[in-house]
Each structure stands twice: as structure tokens, then as C-alpha cells.
């Protein structure tokens, strides 16, 4: 399974729900306040909150960027397991896991289980990808709609049309370097694509249209 570059987290932003949940959970563990469910469940919840923050900082949503989110989560769990990150949040999570259960093997086993699960899920996605069964992202679907009207359009034509759609759909911003878009019409969560990746994406989608 490939590795990805993780976005440094640093201080948690309490204005965001996912980050506030993690901050509150860490604070509760640190202060010794009792939590009314088993230690193993507490560790899973802590890691669930942690990975939600990791995905948020990277601008990934599991529903719409499932493969990339899995790779990101895997990398974050490996870094947590290795214990050599300069980002202080990883030490905070490791310390909290140790407080929840004094048996170090419990947290170790949970991390290994979560890593194994993501390997299996990633392998399943790769098999589906080879069979052409993956659901497109919201941005890919938007680009497909543009190209279906005229498959000869260049990536610059597509960029111009996406720019014209800012504020009238999923596209929220188009700059010289980045396209930002909502992961769905009903979500405030944003995804992004570097402009440098657009020519390849347009070419791939064009091929799938002409083959279909």
C-alpha cells in the first residue's frame, strides 16, 4: 500500500466539530474523567476522531475520496505506530491510548487490526478499479458532463467552463493552481484538485467517454 504525505495538524481548531470532538476526548482522558464504555471501545473512538481530523486537514471525505482516504488513514496509523512524528498530535494520541489501557499490547493490537482492515479495503478497491466499478468523484462527474457535449475540448477549455460554474453547482473556486469543489451538493466539505493534474484527468475521462 502506497504512502502519502500527511498534512501537519498541530493545534486543534475547536471551531470545527471533528476537531472539537477530538480535543474534548483528549481533555477528558487527560483529566481522568470517567467514560462509561470499555477501554477497547474508548481506543477505537479516539482513533476514529483522530482519523476524522487527519482526513479533514487533507480535504478528503471518505464517501467521495474513499481510496485516497484509506491511503491517508493507513499512513497516519503507521506514523502513530512508529512513534517518530514531529507533529505533537501523534504523541498526544499515543499518550491517551496508554492512559486508557495500561496494557501496551491492547493499543498495539488495535492499530494492527485497523491497518489490516485498510489494507483489505484498499485491495478490494484496486480489484474494482481494474474492473471499472468505482464511483466517480463529484468533480470527475462535472468534467464528464462537460466533455460529453464536446469530447474534443482541451483541458484549458474544461478549466474555463469549470471557472464559469463557480457558485452554481459543486465548483467553489478556480485559481491558477487549484480547483476547489464541494464533495456533494448537500455538503460544505471541500475537495481540491491541482491544476497540474487536470490535463491527465481530462485525458482519462475523455478516453472512457470515447470507449463507451
N, C-alpha and C. Protein backbone atom coordinates (compact mmCIF):
# COMPACT_ATOMS: atom_id res chain seq x y z
N UNK A 1 0.85 -1.19 0.00
CA UNK A 1 0.00 0.00 0.00
C UNK A 1 0.88 1.25 0.00
N UNK A 2 0.62 2.18 -0.91
CA UNK A 2 1.47 3.36 -1.05
C UNK A 2 1.38 4.27 0.17
N UNK A 3 2.38 5.13 0.27
CA UNK A 3 2.40 6.12 1.36
C UNK A 3 2.02 7.48 0.79
N UNK A 4 1.53 8.36 1.63
CA UNK A 4 1.18 9.72 1.21
C UNK A 4 1.77 10.69 2.20
N UNK A 5 1.89 11.94 1.75
CA UNK A 5 2.40 12.98 2.65
C UNK A 5 1.26 13.51 3.51
N UNK A 6 1.42 13.40 4.81
CA UNK A 6 0.38 13.84 5.73
C UNK A 6 0.47 15.34 5.99
N UNK A 7 -0.69 15.97 6.12
CA UNK A 7 -0.73 17.39 6.43
C UNK A 7 -0.51 17.58 7.93
N UNK A 8 0.45 18.40 8.35
CA UNK A 8 0.65 18.62 9.80
C UNK A 8 -0.63 19.16 10.44
N UNK A 9 -0.92 18.66 11.63
CA UNK A 9 -2.16 19.05 12.32
C UNK A 9 -1.91 20.16 13.33
N UNK A 10 -0.90 19.97 14.16
CA UNK A 10 -0.60 21.00 15.15
C UNK A 10 -1.75 21.18 16.13
N UNK A 11 -2.07 22.44 16.45
CA UNK A 11 -3.15 22.73 17.39
C UNK A 11 -4.50 22.44 16.76
N UNK A 12 -5.40 21.86 17.56
CA UNK A 12 -6.74 21.54 17.07
C UNK A 12 -7.61 22.79 17.03
N UNK A 13 -8.45 22.85 16.01
CA UNK A 13 -9.34 24.00 15.80
C UNK A 13 -10.72 23.67 16.38
N UNK A 14 -11.03 24.25 17.52
CA UNK A 14 -12.29 23.93 18.20
C UNK A 14 -13.52 24.46 17.47
N UNK A 15 -13.32 25.30 16.47
CA UNK A 15 -14.47 25.79 15.70
C UNK A 15 -15.04 24.71 14.81
N UNK A 16 -14.24 23.69 14.52
CA UNK A 16 -14.70 22.59 13.68
C UNK A 16 -15.16 21.43 14.55
N UNK A 17 -16.29 20.80 14.18
CA UNK A 17 -16.88 19.75 15.01
C UNK A 17 -15.95 18.57 15.19
N UNK A 18 -15.35 18.09 14.10
CA UNK A 18 -14.47 16.91 14.20
C UNK A 18 -13.28 17.19 15.11
N UNK A 19 -12.70 18.36 14.97
CA UNK A 19 -11.53 18.69 15.79
C UNK A 19 -11.92 18.96 17.24
N UNK A 20 -13.10 19.54 17.43
CA UNK A 20 -13.59 19.77 18.80
C UNK A 20 -13.85 18.46 19.52
N UNK A 21 -14.42 17.49 18.81
CA UNK A 21 -14.67 16.18 19.42
C UNK A 21 -13.36 15.53 19.88
N UNK A 22 -12.34 15.60 19.03
CA UNK A 22 -11.05 15.02 19.40
C UNK A 22 -10.45 15.76 20.58
N UNK A 23 -10.49 17.08 20.54
CA UNK A 23 -9.93 17.88 21.64
C UNK A 23 -10.63 17.57 22.95
N UNK A 24 -11.95 17.47 22.93
CA UNK A 24 -12.71 17.18 24.15
C UNK A 24 -12.40 15.78 24.69
N UNK A 25 -12.28 14.82 23.77
CA UNK A 25 -11.99 13.45 24.19
C UNK A 25 -10.60 13.36 24.82
N UNK A 26 -9.63 14.01 24.20
CA UNK A 26 -8.28 14.03 24.76
C UNK A 26 -8.25 14.71 26.12
N UNK A 27 -8.99 15.81 26.25
CA UNK A 27 -9.04 16.54 27.51
C UNK A 27 -9.66 15.68 28.61
N UNK A 28 -10.70 14.95 28.23
CA UNK A 28 -11.39 14.10 29.21
C UNK A 28 -10.48 12.99 29.71
N UNK A 29 -9.72 12.40 28.80
CA UNK A 29 -8.79 11.34 29.19
C UNK A 29 -7.67 11.90 30.06
N UNK A 30 -7.13 13.04 29.65
CA UNK A 30 -6.03 13.65 30.39
C UNK A 30 -6.43 14.05 31.80
N UNK A 31 -7.67 14.51 31.97
CA UNK A 31 -8.13 14.95 33.29
C UNK A 31 -8.62 13.80 34.17
N UNK A 32 -8.68 12.59 33.58
CA UNK A 32 -9.08 11.44 34.37
C UNK A 32 -10.58 11.30 34.58
N UNK A 33 -11.37 12.04 33.81
CA UNK A 33 -12.83 11.91 33.95
C UNK A 33 -13.28 10.57 33.37
N UNK A 34 -14.17 9.91 34.07
CA UNK A 34 -14.61 8.56 33.67
C UNK A 34 -15.44 8.61 32.39
N UNK A 35 -15.23 7.60 31.55
CA UNK A 35 -16.02 7.43 30.32
C UNK A 35 -16.71 6.08 30.43
N UNK A 36 -18.01 6.07 30.22
CA UNK A 36 -18.82 4.89 30.53
C UNK A 36 -18.87 3.87 29.40
N UNK A 37 -17.73 3.47 28.87
CA UNK A 37 -17.71 2.32 27.98
C UNK A 37 -16.31 1.69 28.04
N UNK A 38 -16.19 0.42 27.62
CA UNK A 38 -14.94 -0.33 27.82
C UNK A 38 -13.72 0.34 27.19
N UNK A 39 -12.56 0.00 27.73
CA UNK A 39 -11.30 0.61 27.28
C UNK A 39 -11.08 0.40 25.79
N UNK A 40 -11.37 -0.79 25.28
CA UNK A 40 -11.16 -1.06 23.86
C UNK A 40 -12.01 -0.14 22.99
N UNK A 41 -13.25 0.06 23.39
CA UNK A 41 -14.14 0.96 22.64
C UNK A 41 -13.62 2.40 22.71
N UNK A 42 -13.12 2.78 23.87
CA UNK A 42 -12.57 4.14 24.01
C UNK A 42 -11.41 4.35 23.04
N UNK A 43 -10.56 3.35 22.89
CA UNK A 43 -9.42 3.48 21.97
C UNK A 43 -9.89 3.60 20.53
N UNK A 44 -10.89 2.80 20.17
CA UNK A 44 -11.42 2.89 18.81
C UNK A 44 -12.05 4.25 18.54
N UNK A 45 -12.79 4.77 19.52
CA UNK A 45 -13.42 6.09 19.36
C UNK A 45 -12.35 7.17 19.22
N UNK A 46 -11.33 7.10 20.06
CA UNK A 46 -10.23 8.06 19.99
C UNK A 46 -9.59 8.06 18.61
N UNK A 47 -9.31 6.87 18.09
CA UNK A 47 -8.68 6.77 16.78
C UNK A 47 -9.62 7.19 15.66
N UNK A 48 -10.92 6.92 15.84
CA UNK A 48 -11.93 7.37 14.87
C UNK A 48 -11.93 8.90 14.79
N UNK A 49 -11.93 9.57 15.94
CA UNK A 49 -11.90 11.03 15.97
C UNK A 49 -10.60 11.56 15.36
N UNK A 50 -9.51 10.90 15.69
CA UNK A 50 -8.19 11.30 15.18
C UNK A 50 -8.15 11.23 13.66
N UNK A 51 -8.61 10.13 13.09
CA UNK A 51 -8.58 9.95 11.63
C UNK A 51 -9.53 10.92 10.93
N UNK A 52 -10.62 11.27 11.60
CA UNK A 52 -11.54 12.26 11.02
C UNK A 52 -10.82 13.61 10.86
N UNK A 53 -9.99 13.96 11.84
CA UNK A 53 -9.23 15.20 11.76
C UNK A 53 -8.15 15.11 10.67
N UNK A 54 -7.49 13.96 10.60
CA UNK A 54 -6.47 13.75 9.56
C UNK A 54 -7.08 13.93 8.17
N UNK A 55 -8.26 13.34 7.95
CA UNK A 55 -8.92 13.46 6.64
C UNK A 55 -9.33 14.91 6.38
N UNK A 56 -9.86 15.56 7.42
CA UNK A 56 -10.30 16.95 7.24
C UNK A 56 -9.15 17.85 6.83
N UNK A 57 -8.01 17.71 7.50
CA UNK A 57 -6.87 18.56 7.17
C UNK A 57 -6.38 18.33 5.74
N UNK A 58 -6.58 17.11 5.23
CA UNK A 58 -6.16 16.79 3.87
C UNK A 58 -7.25 17.11 2.85
N UNK A 59 -8.43 17.51 3.32
CA UNK A 59 -9.53 17.83 2.41
C UNK A 59 -10.15 16.60 1.75
N UNK A 60 -10.14 15.47 2.47
CA UNK A 60 -10.68 14.23 1.91
C UNK A 60 -11.92 13.79 2.67
N UNK A 61 -12.90 13.31 1.93
CA UNK A 61 -14.13 12.77 2.52
C UNK A 61 -14.20 11.29 2.15
N UNK A 62 -14.43 10.44 3.14
CA UNK A 62 -14.41 9.00 2.87
C UNK A 62 -15.45 8.58 1.83
N UNK A 63 -16.56 9.27 1.79
CA UNK A 63 -17.60 8.88 0.85
C UNK A 63 -17.22 9.19 -0.60
N UNK A 64 -16.52 10.31 -0.79
CA UNK A 64 -16.22 10.75 -2.14
C UNK A 64 -14.76 10.56 -2.54
N UNK A 65 -13.89 10.33 -1.57
CA UNK A 65 -12.48 10.09 -1.87
C UNK A 65 -12.03 8.83 -1.11
N UNK A 66 -12.77 7.76 -1.28
CA UNK A 66 -12.60 6.59 -0.42
C UNK A 66 -11.19 6.01 -0.51
N UNK A 67 -10.69 5.83 -1.72
CA UNK A 67 -9.37 5.23 -1.89
C UNK A 67 -8.29 6.11 -1.28
N UNK A 68 -8.31 7.41 -1.62
CA UNK A 68 -7.30 8.33 -1.08
C UNK A 68 -7.39 8.44 0.43
N UNK A 69 -8.61 8.40 0.95
CA UNK A 69 -8.80 8.48 2.40
C UNK A 69 -8.22 7.26 3.09
N UNK A 70 -8.39 6.09 2.49
CA UNK A 70 -7.81 4.87 3.06
C UNK A 70 -6.29 4.96 3.12
N UNK A 71 -5.69 5.42 2.03
CA UNK A 71 -4.23 5.55 1.99
C UNK A 71 -3.75 6.53 3.05
N UNK A 72 -4.49 7.64 3.17
CA UNK A 72 -4.14 8.67 4.16
C UNK A 72 -4.25 8.10 5.58
N UNK A 73 -5.35 7.42 5.87
CA UNK A 73 -5.54 6.84 7.20
C UNK A 73 -4.45 5.82 7.51
N UNK A 74 -4.12 4.99 6.52
CA UNK A 74 -3.08 3.98 6.71
C UNK A 74 -1.76 4.66 7.09
N UNK A 75 -1.41 5.72 6.36
CA UNK A 75 -0.16 6.43 6.64
C UNK A 75 -0.16 7.05 8.04
N UNK A 76 -1.30 7.61 8.44
CA UNK A 76 -1.40 8.22 9.77
C UNK A 76 -1.26 7.17 10.86
N UNK A 77 -1.88 6.00 10.66
CA UNK A 77 -1.80 4.93 11.66
C UNK A 77 -0.38 4.37 11.75
N UNK A 78 0.29 4.27 10.61
CA UNK A 78 1.69 3.80 10.61
C UNK A 78 2.56 4.78 11.38
N UNK A 79 2.37 6.07 11.12
CA UNK A 79 3.16 7.09 11.82
C UNK A 79 2.89 7.05 13.33
N UNK A 80 1.64 6.82 13.68
CA UNK A 80 1.29 6.71 15.10
C UNK A 80 1.94 5.47 15.71
N UNK A 81 1.93 4.39 14.97
CA UNK A 81 2.53 3.13 15.43
C UNK A 81 4.04 3.28 15.61
N UNK A 82 4.68 3.99 14.71
CA UNK A 82 6.14 4.15 14.77
C UNK A 82 6.58 5.11 15.86
N UNK A 83 5.71 6.07 16.18
CA UNK A 83 6.00 6.99 17.27
C UNK A 83 7.15 7.94 17.01
N UNK A 84 7.39 8.29 15.73
CA UNK A 84 8.52 9.16 15.42
C UNK A 84 8.11 10.45 14.71
N UNK A 85 6.83 10.82 14.85
CA UNK A 85 6.37 12.03 14.18
C UNK A 85 6.74 13.28 14.98
N UNK A 86 7.07 14.35 14.25
CA UNK A 86 7.36 15.63 14.90
C UNK A 86 6.08 16.40 15.20
N UNK A 87 4.97 15.95 14.62
CA UNK A 87 3.67 16.60 14.87
C UNK A 87 3.20 16.18 16.27
N UNK A 88 3.02 17.12 17.20
CA UNK A 88 2.70 16.77 18.60
C UNK A 88 1.39 16.00 18.77
N UNK A 89 0.47 16.10 17.82
CA UNK A 89 -0.81 15.40 17.99
C UNK A 89 -0.61 13.89 18.06
N UNK A 90 0.42 13.37 17.39
CA UNK A 90 0.66 11.93 17.41
C UNK A 90 1.10 11.46 18.80
N UNK A 91 1.90 12.28 19.47
CA UNK A 91 2.29 11.95 20.84
C UNK A 91 1.08 12.04 21.77
N UNK A 92 0.22 13.04 21.54
CA UNK A 92 -0.98 13.19 22.36
C UNK A 92 -1.88 11.95 22.24
N UNK A 93 -2.03 11.46 21.01
CA UNK A 93 -2.87 10.27 20.79
C UNK A 93 -2.23 9.04 21.44
N UNK A 94 -0.92 8.88 21.25
CA UNK A 94 -0.22 7.73 21.84
C UNK A 94 -0.31 7.76 23.37
N UNK A 95 -0.13 8.94 23.95
CA UNK A 95 -0.22 9.08 25.41
C UNK A 95 -1.63 8.74 25.90
N UNK A 96 -2.63 9.20 25.15
CA UNK A 96 -4.02 8.92 25.54
C UNK A 96 -4.33 7.44 25.47
N UNK A 97 -3.83 6.77 24.45
CA UNK A 97 -4.03 5.31 24.34
C UNK A 97 -3.41 4.60 25.53
N UNK A 98 -2.24 5.06 25.95
CA UNK A 98 -1.56 4.45 27.10
C UNK A 98 -2.34 4.68 28.39
N UNK A 99 -2.97 5.84 28.52
CA UNK A 99 -3.76 6.14 29.72
C UNK A 99 -5.01 5.29 29.78
N UNK A 100 -5.66 5.10 28.64
CA UNK A 100 -6.91 4.33 28.60
C UNK A 100 -6.68 2.91 29.07
N UNK A 101 -5.62 2.29 28.60
CA UNK A 101 -5.34 0.90 28.97
C UNK A 101 -3.85 0.76 29.24
N UNK A 102 -3.49 0.37 30.44
CA UNK A 102 -2.08 0.27 30.82
C UNK A 102 -1.37 -0.87 30.10
N UNK A 103 -2.14 -1.78 29.51
CA UNK A 103 -1.54 -2.89 28.77
C UNK A 103 -1.16 -2.39 27.37
N UNK A 104 0.12 -2.18 27.09
CA UNK A 104 0.51 -1.61 25.79
C UNK A 104 0.15 -2.49 24.60
N UNK A 105 -0.04 -3.79 24.84
CA UNK A 105 -0.37 -4.69 23.73
C UNK A 105 -1.77 -4.44 23.20
N UNK A 106 -2.66 -3.90 24.04
CA UNK A 106 -4.04 -3.66 23.60
C UNK A 106 -4.08 -2.62 22.49
N UNK A 107 -3.43 -1.47 22.70
CA UNK A 107 -3.39 -0.43 21.68
C UNK A 107 -2.64 -0.92 20.44
N UNK A 108 -1.58 -1.67 20.66
CA UNK A 108 -0.80 -2.21 19.54
C UNK A 108 -1.66 -3.12 18.68
N UNK A 109 -2.45 -3.98 19.32
CA UNK A 109 -3.31 -4.91 18.58
C UNK A 109 -4.39 -4.16 17.80
N UNK A 110 -4.94 -3.11 18.41
CA UNK A 110 -5.98 -2.33 17.73
C UNK A 110 -5.39 -1.63 16.50
N UNK A 111 -4.21 -1.05 16.64
CA UNK A 111 -3.57 -0.40 15.50
C UNK A 111 -3.30 -1.39 14.38
N UNK A 112 -2.83 -2.57 14.74
CA UNK A 112 -2.55 -3.59 13.72
C UNK A 112 -3.83 -4.05 13.04
N UNK A 113 -4.91 -4.16 13.81
CA UNK A 113 -6.21 -4.53 13.24
C UNK A 113 -6.70 -3.47 12.26
N UNK A 114 -6.60 -2.21 12.66
CA UNK A 114 -7.05 -1.12 11.80
C UNK A 114 -6.21 -1.01 10.54
N UNK A 115 -4.91 -1.24 10.66
CA UNK A 115 -4.04 -1.23 9.49
C UNK A 115 -4.39 -2.37 8.55
N UNK A 116 -4.65 -3.54 9.12
CA UNK A 116 -5.02 -4.70 8.32
C UNK A 116 -6.34 -4.49 7.59
N UNK A 117 -7.30 -3.87 8.27
CA UNK A 117 -8.60 -3.58 7.65
C UNK A 117 -8.43 -2.68 6.45
N UNK A 118 -7.59 -1.66 6.58
CA UNK A 118 -7.42 -0.72 5.49
C UNK A 118 -6.67 -1.33 4.32
N UNK A 119 -5.76 -2.25 4.61
CA UNK A 119 -5.10 -2.98 3.53
C UNK A 119 -6.11 -3.80 2.73
N UNK A 120 -7.01 -4.48 3.43
CA UNK A 120 -8.02 -5.29 2.75
C UNK A 120 -8.96 -4.42 1.93
N UNK A 121 -9.38 -3.29 2.51
CA UNK A 121 -10.30 -2.39 1.80
C UNK A 121 -9.61 -1.80 0.57
N UNK A 122 -8.33 -1.46 0.70
CA UNK A 122 -7.59 -0.91 -0.43
C UNK A 122 -7.46 -1.95 -1.54
N UNK A 123 -7.18 -3.18 -1.17
CA UNK A 123 -7.05 -4.26 -2.16
C UNK A 123 -8.37 -4.47 -2.90
N UNK A 124 -9.48 -4.39 -2.15
CA UNK A 124 -10.80 -4.54 -2.77
C UNK A 124 -11.06 -3.42 -3.77
N UNK A 125 -10.65 -2.21 -3.42
CA UNK A 125 -10.83 -1.08 -4.32
C UNK A 125 -9.99 -1.25 -5.58
N UNK A 126 -8.77 -1.73 -5.42
CA UNK A 126 -7.91 -1.95 -6.58
C UNK A 126 -8.52 -2.97 -7.52
N UNK A 127 -9.13 -4.01 -6.96
CA UNK A 127 -9.78 -5.02 -7.81
C UNK A 127 -10.96 -4.40 -8.56
N UNK A 128 -11.74 -3.57 -7.86
CA UNK A 128 -12.87 -2.91 -8.52
C UNK A 128 -12.39 -1.93 -9.57
N UNK A 129 -11.30 -1.25 -9.28
CA UNK A 129 -10.76 -0.28 -10.24
C UNK A 129 -10.39 -0.97 -11.55
N UNK A 130 -9.79 -2.16 -11.42
CA UNK A 130 -9.41 -2.90 -12.62
C UNK A 130 -10.64 -3.32 -13.42
N UNK A 131 -11.75 -3.49 -12.74
CA UNK A 131 -12.99 -3.87 -13.41
C UNK A 131 -13.85 -2.67 -13.79
N UNK A 132 -13.35 -1.47 -13.48
CA UNK A 132 -14.10 -0.26 -13.84
C UNK A 132 -15.36 -0.06 -13.04
N UNK A 133 -15.34 -0.46 -11.74
CA UNK A 133 -16.54 -0.41 -10.94
C UNK A 133 -16.57 0.76 -9.96
N UNK A 134 -15.55 1.63 -9.97
CA UNK A 134 -15.51 2.70 -8.97
C UNK A 134 -16.46 3.85 -9.32
N UNK A 135 -17.07 4.44 -8.30
CA UNK A 135 -17.94 5.60 -8.49
C UNK A 135 -17.07 6.84 -8.66
N UNK A 136 -17.43 7.70 -9.60
CA UNK A 136 -16.66 8.91 -9.85
C UNK A 136 -16.82 9.91 -8.72
N UNK A 137 -15.81 10.76 -8.58
CA UNK A 137 -15.93 11.87 -7.65
C UNK A 137 -16.87 12.91 -8.25
N UNK A 138 -17.31 13.85 -7.43
CA UNK A 138 -18.21 14.90 -7.90
C UNK A 138 -17.54 15.73 -9.00
N UNK A 139 -16.25 16.00 -8.85
CA UNK A 139 -15.54 16.79 -9.87
C UNK A 139 -15.41 16.00 -11.17
N UNK A 140 -15.09 14.72 -11.07
CA UNK A 140 -14.98 13.89 -12.27
C UNK A 140 -16.30 13.87 -13.03
N UNK A 141 -17.40 13.77 -12.31
CA UNK A 141 -18.72 13.76 -12.95
C UNK A 141 -19.00 15.08 -13.66
N UNK A 142 -18.55 16.19 -13.05
CA UNK A 142 -18.74 17.50 -13.66
C UNK A 142 -17.92 17.60 -14.96
N UNK A 143 -16.69 17.13 -14.90
CA UNK A 143 -15.83 17.15 -16.10
C UNK A 143 -16.41 16.24 -17.19
N UNK A 144 -16.95 15.10 -16.80
CA UNK A 144 -17.55 14.18 -17.77
C UNK A 144 -18.72 14.84 -18.49
N UNK A 145 -19.54 15.59 -17.73
CA UNK A 145 -20.68 16.27 -18.35
C UNK A 145 -20.21 17.30 -19.39
N UNK A 146 -19.13 17.98 -19.07
CA UNK A 146 -18.58 18.98 -20.00
C UNK A 146 -18.07 18.30 -21.27
N UNK A 147 -17.33 17.21 -21.11
CA UNK A 147 -16.73 16.54 -22.26
C UNK A 147 -17.75 15.80 -23.10
N UNK A 148 -18.84 15.38 -22.49
CA UNK A 148 -19.86 14.68 -23.27
C UNK A 148 -20.50 15.60 -24.32
N UNK A 149 -20.50 16.90 -24.04
CA UNK A 149 -21.05 17.85 -25.01
C UNK A 149 -20.09 18.02 -26.19
N UNK A 150 -18.80 17.90 -25.92
CA UNK A 150 -17.79 18.01 -26.97
C UNK A 150 -16.51 17.38 -26.45
N UNK A 151 -16.24 16.17 -26.87
CA UNK A 151 -15.08 15.43 -26.34
C UNK A 151 -13.75 15.97 -26.85
N UNK A 152 -13.78 16.89 -27.83
CA UNK A 152 -12.54 17.44 -28.38
C UNK A 152 -12.02 18.62 -27.57
N UNK A 153 -12.74 19.02 -26.56
CA UNK A 153 -12.30 20.16 -25.77
C UNK A 153 -10.98 19.86 -25.06
N UNK A 154 -10.12 20.88 -24.98
CA UNK A 154 -8.84 20.72 -24.29
C UNK A 154 -9.06 20.88 -22.79
N UNK A 155 -8.03 20.56 -22.05
CA UNK A 155 -8.14 20.71 -20.59
C UNK A 155 -8.31 22.18 -20.22
N UNK A 156 -7.76 23.09 -21.04
CA UNK A 156 -7.94 24.52 -20.78
C UNK A 156 -9.40 24.92 -21.01
N UNK A 157 -10.03 24.32 -22.04
CA UNK A 157 -11.46 24.58 -22.26
C UNK A 157 -12.27 24.12 -21.05
N UNK A 158 -11.92 22.95 -20.55
CA UNK A 158 -12.62 22.40 -19.39
C UNK A 158 -12.42 23.30 -18.18
N UNK A 159 -11.18 23.76 -17.98
CA UNK A 159 -10.90 24.68 -16.85
C UNK A 159 -11.75 25.94 -16.96
N UNK A 160 -11.85 26.50 -18.17
CA UNK A 160 -12.64 27.72 -18.36
C UNK A 160 -14.11 27.48 -18.01
N UNK A 161 -14.64 26.33 -18.43
CA UNK A 161 -16.04 26.03 -18.16
C UNK A 161 -16.29 25.78 -16.67
N UNK A 162 -15.32 25.14 -16.02
CA UNK A 162 -15.44 24.95 -14.57
C UNK A 162 -15.43 26.30 -13.86
N UNK A 163 -14.59 27.20 -14.36
CA UNK A 163 -14.49 28.53 -13.74
C UNK A 163 -15.81 29.28 -13.87
N UNK A 164 -16.50 29.08 -15.01
CA UNK A 164 -17.78 29.75 -15.21
C UNK A 164 -18.86 29.18 -14.29
N UNK A 165 -18.62 27.98 -13.77
CA UNK A 165 -19.63 27.33 -12.92
C UNK A 165 -19.40 27.59 -11.43
N UNK A 166 -18.43 28.40 -11.11
CA UNK A 166 -18.17 28.72 -9.69
C UNK A 166 -19.43 29.33 -9.08
N UNK A 167 -19.88 28.73 -7.99
CA UNK A 167 -21.05 29.23 -7.27
C UNK A 167 -22.37 28.72 -7.80
N UNK A 168 -22.36 27.97 -8.91
CA UNK A 168 -23.61 27.47 -9.49
C UNK A 168 -23.66 25.95 -9.53
N UNK A 169 -23.06 25.33 -8.57
CA UNK A 169 -23.02 23.86 -8.51
C UNK A 169 -22.01 23.43 -7.48
N UNK A 170 -21.19 22.47 -7.83
CA UNK A 170 -20.21 21.98 -6.85
C UNK A 170 -18.92 22.78 -6.87
N UNK A 171 -18.64 23.52 -7.95
CA UNK A 171 -17.37 24.26 -8.05
C UNK A 171 -17.44 25.52 -7.19
N UNK A 172 -16.49 25.64 -6.27
CA UNK A 172 -16.49 26.79 -5.35
C UNK A 172 -15.41 27.81 -5.68
N UNK A 173 -14.31 27.35 -6.31
CA UNK A 173 -13.24 28.29 -6.64
C UNK A 173 -12.31 27.66 -7.67
N UNK A 174 -11.87 28.47 -8.63
CA UNK A 174 -10.85 28.04 -9.59
C UNK A 174 -9.77 29.11 -9.63
N UNK A 175 -8.56 28.74 -9.25
CA UNK A 175 -7.43 29.67 -9.29
C UNK A 175 -6.44 29.20 -10.35
N UNK A 176 -5.29 29.85 -10.41
CA UNK A 176 -4.26 29.44 -11.36
C UNK A 176 -3.63 28.11 -10.98
N UNK A 177 -3.81 27.71 -9.73
CA UNK A 177 -3.14 26.47 -9.26
C UNK A 177 -4.09 25.38 -8.80
N UNK A 178 -5.34 25.73 -8.44
CA UNK A 178 -6.21 24.77 -7.78
C UNK A 178 -7.67 24.92 -8.20
N UNK A 179 -8.35 23.79 -8.27
CA UNK A 179 -9.81 23.77 -8.42
C UNK A 179 -10.38 23.26 -7.10
N UNK A 180 -11.27 24.04 -6.50
CA UNK A 180 -11.91 23.62 -5.26
C UNK A 180 -13.38 23.34 -5.54
N UNK A 181 -13.87 22.28 -4.92
CA UNK A 181 -15.25 21.87 -5.19
C UNK A 181 -15.87 21.21 -3.97
N UNK A 182 -17.20 21.27 -3.89
CA UNK A 182 -17.92 20.59 -2.82
C UNK A 182 -17.99 19.10 -3.14
N UNK A 183 -17.82 18.26 -2.14
CA UNK A 183 -17.85 16.82 -2.39
C UNK A 183 -19.24 16.36 -2.79
N UNK A 184 -20.27 17.16 -2.47
CA UNK A 184 -21.63 16.90 -2.94
C UNK A 184 -22.43 18.19 -2.81
N UNK A 185 -23.57 18.24 -3.47
CA UNK A 185 -24.40 19.44 -3.41
C UNK A 185 -24.85 19.75 -2.00
N UNK A 186 -25.02 18.72 -1.17
CA UNK A 186 -25.57 18.91 0.17
C UNK A 186 -24.50 19.02 1.25
N UNK A 187 -23.24 19.12 0.86
CA UNK A 187 -22.16 19.13 1.84
C UNK A 187 -21.36 20.42 1.74
N UNK A 188 -20.88 20.88 2.89
CA UNK A 188 -19.99 22.05 2.93
C UNK A 188 -18.52 21.62 2.85
N UNK A 189 -18.29 20.31 2.87
CA UNK A 189 -16.91 19.82 2.83
C UNK A 189 -16.35 19.97 1.43
N UNK A 190 -15.10 20.43 1.35
CA UNK A 190 -14.49 20.70 0.06
C UNK A 190 -13.41 19.69 -0.29
N UNK A 191 -13.30 19.43 -1.58
CA UNK A 191 -12.18 18.70 -2.13
C UNK A 191 -11.39 19.66 -3.01
N UNK A 192 -10.21 19.25 -3.44
CA UNK A 192 -9.43 20.12 -4.31
C UNK A 192 -8.63 19.29 -5.30
N UNK A 193 -8.33 19.90 -6.43
CA UNK A 193 -7.51 19.27 -7.46
C UNK A 193 -6.50 20.30 -7.95
N UNK A 194 -5.23 19.91 -7.99
CA UNK A 194 -4.21 20.80 -8.53
C UNK A 194 -4.42 20.94 -10.03
N UNK A 195 -4.28 22.16 -10.55
CA UNK A 195 -4.43 22.41 -11.98
C UNK A 195 -3.46 21.55 -12.78
N UNK A 196 -2.29 21.29 -12.22
CA UNK A 196 -1.29 20.48 -12.93
C UNK A 196 -1.79 19.06 -13.18
N UNK A 197 -2.78 18.61 -12.39
CA UNK A 197 -3.33 17.26 -12.57
C UNK A 197 -4.51 17.24 -13.55
N UNK A 198 -5.00 18.42 -13.92
CA UNK A 198 -6.20 18.48 -14.76
C UNK A 198 -6.00 17.89 -16.16
N UNK A 199 -4.88 18.16 -16.86
CA UNK A 199 -4.73 17.58 -18.21
C UNK A 199 -4.84 16.06 -18.20
N UNK A 200 -4.19 15.42 -17.23
CA UNK A 200 -4.25 13.95 -17.16
C UNK A 200 -5.66 13.47 -16.85
N UNK A 201 -6.35 14.16 -15.95
CA UNK A 201 -7.71 13.77 -15.58
C UNK A 201 -8.65 13.92 -16.77
N UNK A 202 -8.53 15.04 -17.48
CA UNK A 202 -9.38 15.25 -18.66
C UNK A 202 -9.11 14.17 -19.70
N UNK A 203 -7.84 13.85 -19.92
CA UNK A 203 -7.48 12.81 -20.89
C UNK A 203 -8.06 11.45 -20.53
N UNK A 204 -8.00 11.11 -19.24
CA UNK A 204 -8.53 9.82 -18.78
C UNK A 204 -10.04 9.75 -18.97
N UNK A 205 -10.74 10.82 -18.60
CA UNK A 205 -12.20 10.83 -18.72
C UNK A 205 -12.61 10.84 -20.19
N UNK A 206 -11.87 11.58 -21.02
CA UNK A 206 -12.17 11.60 -22.46
C UNK A 206 -12.06 10.19 -23.05
N UNK A 207 -11.00 9.47 -22.67
CA UNK A 207 -10.83 8.10 -23.18
C UNK A 207 -12.00 7.22 -22.79
N UNK A 208 -12.45 7.35 -21.54
CA UNK A 208 -13.57 6.50 -21.10
C UNK A 208 -14.86 6.83 -21.84
N UNK A 209 -15.00 8.10 -22.24
CA UNK A 209 -16.21 8.50 -23.00
C UNK A 209 -16.14 7.94 -24.42
N UNK A 210 -15.00 8.08 -25.07
CA UNK A 210 -14.87 7.61 -26.45
C UNK A 210 -14.93 6.10 -26.56
N UNK A 211 -14.45 5.42 -25.49
CA UNK A 211 -14.53 3.94 -25.49
C UNK A 211 -15.95 3.47 -25.24
N UNK A 212 -16.68 4.27 -24.39
CA UNK A 212 -18.04 3.87 -24.04
C UNK A 212 -19.04 4.16 -25.14
